[in-house]
Amino acid sequence: MKRIDAGQLFIILYLTLLGLFMMLPLIFLVSTAFKPQEELFLYPPRFFVQSPTLDNFRDLLFAMSGDRIPLVRYVFNSVIVSGVTVAFTVLLGSLACFPLAKHKFPGRNLFFSLIVISLMFAPEVVEIPRYLVIVNLGLMDTYHALILPQLAFPIGLFLMKQFLEQVPDEIFEAAKVDGAGEWRQLLQIALPLIRPAWATVVILSFTAVWNDAGSSALFTQSEQMKTLPYYLSTVNGQGVARGGANAAATFLMTVPTVFIFVLFQRQVLSTMAHSGIKS
């Protein structure tokens, strides 16, 4: 027992140190956001801020104040696009994973193989086809153009399908005997049981959409349809003159994704353990 306890203690200490090491980039990001100008460009760079200041955030607000489109508009666009995309990604993934995991129909394996194959392609590979589809549908410069291309989220469908396959078929067969239809099985049995999977999809989808500046550059033309990541990327593109504002903008973009991850992080480990991906 003493050996087991000592081994467990070693593992806990090792994982704690590893976790702290992996947090260093995030700590450096927070520290940089509050560094004054004289500390931002030190060489070698200083990891922790010595004289924290809010000047970087004031500089960012000053850079925004000169624009004719208020910051609230960019934030509103990002919230709408991210919220709607995440909601429909989970909804469509749930509707698709249920028949793929619990029903046998012609072409099921073929469809799932195509989903797995699509994981091999980087988003940049399909940018031109996406653009052509949006243009031909007449959706340029609309919220639909920013949302619809993001709904194709194969990694989310893969995780949910693999997780649902671990649920015993006997549960659904018992529900059928009790008179439960397909919708009731999906809503009252499947979705609650695969909560860790769709919680993980929420994290992955939100992170991808919230940080996406390319869609605004590709599918929108008017400034009032741009999202916050696109606008902050223009601030980051102003170089050394806006070094402090760049650090503050990066910090503001990272905070929501970290919050969403902390909110759902317990579900991620459960998903990885039951979806065929061992961490």
Foldseek 3Di string as FASTA:
>chain_A
DVVVVVVVVVVVVVVVVVVVVVCQVVQQLVQLLFADLVQNPDVVHDRHHDDGHNVLVVLLVVVQVVDPDHPVLQAVLLCVQLVVQLVLLLVVLLVVLVCLQQNDDPCSVVVLVVLVVVVVDDPVVCLVVLLVVCVVVVNFAHSCLLRVVLSSDSVLSLLLNQLLNVPDNVVVVVCVVVPDDPVCCSPVPSCVSSVLSSLVSSLVSSLCSLQDQPSCVRRHDDPSNGHLNVVLVVLVVVPSVSSSNNSNSVSVSVVVSVVSCVVNVVSPQVSCVRSPHHD
